[in-house]
Protein backbone atom coordinates (compact mmCIF):
# COMPACT_ATOMS: atom_id res chain seq x y z
CA MET A 1 277.62 90.17 199.07
CA ALA A 2 280.34 91.54 201.26
CA ILE A 3 279.67 94.50 203.55
CA GLU A 4 281.77 96.85 201.43
CA SER A 5 279.89 95.76 198.31
CA LEU A 6 276.47 96.24 199.90
CA LYS A 7 277.24 99.61 201.48
CA ASP A 8 279.88 101.22 199.29
CA PHE A 9 279.62 99.33 195.97
CA ILE A 10 283.24 98.18 196.28
CA PHE A 11 283.93 94.92 194.45
CA THR A 12 287.32 93.20 194.72
CA THR A 13 288.66 89.68 194.90
CA LYS A 14 288.26 90.00 198.68
CA SER A 15 284.53 90.69 198.26
CA ASP A 16 284.47 87.63 195.99
CA VAL A 17 286.02 85.66 198.86
CA TRP A 18 283.08 86.74 201.05
CA SER A 19 280.69 85.45 198.39
CA PHE A 20 282.65 82.21 198.16
CA GLY A 21 282.14 81.73 201.90
CA ILE A 22 278.39 82.16 201.36
CA LEU A 23 278.53 79.66 198.48
CA MET A 24 280.26 77.15 200.76
CA TRP A 25 277.49 77.62 203.33
CA GLU A 26 274.84 77.10 200.62
CA ILE A 27 276.55 73.90 199.46
CA VAL A 28 276.86 72.53 202.99
CA THR A 29 273.16 73.22 203.61
CA LEU A 30 272.21 71.60 200.29
CA GLY A 31 270.99 74.86 198.80
CA CYS A 32 269.39 76.69 201.70
CA THR A 33 268.80 80.38 201.12
CA PRO A 34 271.01 82.53 203.34
CA TYR A 35 269.11 84.99 205.53
CA PRO A 36 265.67 83.52 204.68
CA GLY A 37 262.82 85.97 205.05
CA TRP A 38 265.10 88.96 205.52
CA THR A 39 264.86 92.01 203.30
CA ALA A 40 268.01 93.40 201.69
CA SER A 41 267.94 96.27 204.20
CA GLU A 42 267.77 93.84 207.11
CA VAL A 43 270.70 91.83 205.74
CA ILE A 44 272.82 94.97 205.31
CA LYS A 45 271.99 96.18 208.82
CA LYS A 46 272.53 92.84 210.57
CA VAL A 47 275.72 91.92 208.68
CA SER A 48 277.11 95.43 209.29
CA GLU A 49 276.39 94.93 213.00
CA GLY A 50 278.43 91.70 212.95
CA TYR A 51 275.84 89.01 212.31
CA ARG A 52 277.17 86.01 210.37
CA LEU A 53 275.40 82.90 209.18
CA GLU A 54 275.35 80.28 211.88
CA LYS A 55 277.20 77.00 211.69
CA PRO A 56 274.91 74.27 210.36
CA GLU A 57 274.72 71.58 213.05
CA HIS A 58 275.95 68.87 210.67
CA CYS A 59 278.98 70.91 209.52
CA LYS A 60 282.33 70.24 211.16
CA ARG A 61 283.84 73.22 212.96
CA GLU A 62 286.90 73.21 210.66
CA MET A 63 284.73 73.70 207.58
CA TYR A 64 282.68 76.44 209.21
CA ASN A 65 285.86 78.19 210.37
CA ILE A 66 286.94 78.52 206.74
CA MET A 67 283.56 80.04 205.83
CA TYR A 68 283.71 82.38 208.80
CA TYR A 69 287.25 83.43 207.85
CA CYS A 70 285.81 84.54 204.48
CA TRP A 71 283.33 86.82 206.27
CA ASP A 72 285.81 88.96 208.16
CA ARG A 73 284.60 92.55 208.41
CA ASN A 74 288.01 93.78 207.21
CA PRO A 75 288.56 92.65 203.61
CA HIS A 76 292.34 92.62 204.16
CA HIS A 77 291.92 89.97 206.87
CA ARG A 78 290.01 87.60 204.59
CA PRO A 79 291.97 84.79 202.95
CA SER A 80 293.07 84.95 199.36
CA PHE A 81 291.78 82.33 196.96
CA SER A 82 295.25 80.75 197.04
CA GLU A 83 294.97 80.47 200.82
CA LEU A 84 291.49 78.98 200.47
CA VAL A 85 292.85 76.34 198.11
CA CYS A 86 295.43 75.34 200.74
CA LEU A 87 292.92 75.40 203.60
CA LEU A 88 290.40 73.30 201.67
CA ASP A 89 293.10 70.94 200.39
CA ASN A 90 294.22 70.35 203.98
CA LEU A 91 290.63 69.81 205.08
CA PHE A 92 289.74 67.46 202.25
CA GLY A 93 293.14 65.77 202.30
CA ASN A 94 292.60 64.11 205.63
CA ASP A 95 290.18 61.24 205.98
CA ASP A 96 287.83 63.07 208.33
CA GLU A 97 284.34 63.88 207.17
CA TYR A 98 283.70 67.61 207.07
CA ILE A 99 279.92 67.18 206.89
CA GLU A 100 278.21 64.79 209.29
CA LEU A 101 275.22 63.67 207.24
CA ASP A 102 273.95 61.51 210.10
CA ARG A 103 273.40 64.81 211.96
CA PHE A 104 271.66 66.46 209.00
CA PRO A 105 268.33 67.83 210.26
CA ASP A 106 265.29 66.35 208.52
CA HIS A 107 263.29 69.54 208.80
CA CYS A 108 265.77 72.09 207.49
CA TYR A 109 267.13 73.33 204.20
CA TYR A 110 264.80 71.51 201.82
CA ASN A 111 261.37 72.61 202.92
CA LEU A 112 260.35 74.60 199.86
CA LEU A 113 257.15 73.66 198.14
CA LYS A 114 256.95 73.09 194.41
CA PRO A 115 255.20 75.92 192.60
CA PRO A 116 251.69 75.18 191.25
CA GLY A 117 251.81 73.34 187.94
CA CYS A 118 255.10 71.59 188.69
CA GLY A 119 253.96 68.08 189.45
CA ASN A 120 252.42 67.33 192.80
CA SER A 121 251.72 70.78 194.20
CA GLY A 122 252.72 71.02 197.83
CA GLU A 123 255.20 68.16 197.62
CA LYS A 124 258.45 68.80 199.45
CA LEU A 125 261.52 69.12 197.26
């Protein structure tokens, strides 16, 4: 959630834009959990201090820049959803790849173990 949502319980379309940026990051990382191992208090503190999710190494800078734009501390500086549509359309409209799967790390993002009773226990998902 956006800083203003976490700290002041303010929810607007601009806080939704923040969440959309997080969703983009989750999609690019094939479902990785943002801030793994952090408590809610740690997330609030670190994000309030300026911490933002890092760029996945296989994600093109242009894609990450859009995510990062969504996480601006000032909600008024975040893009609107209409702006995001244009930015993403421009990104997807060219023939460049925005995710470099050949650079996708083998050890990251999908290292959760299946819970007991769900097939081969301990098998990587």
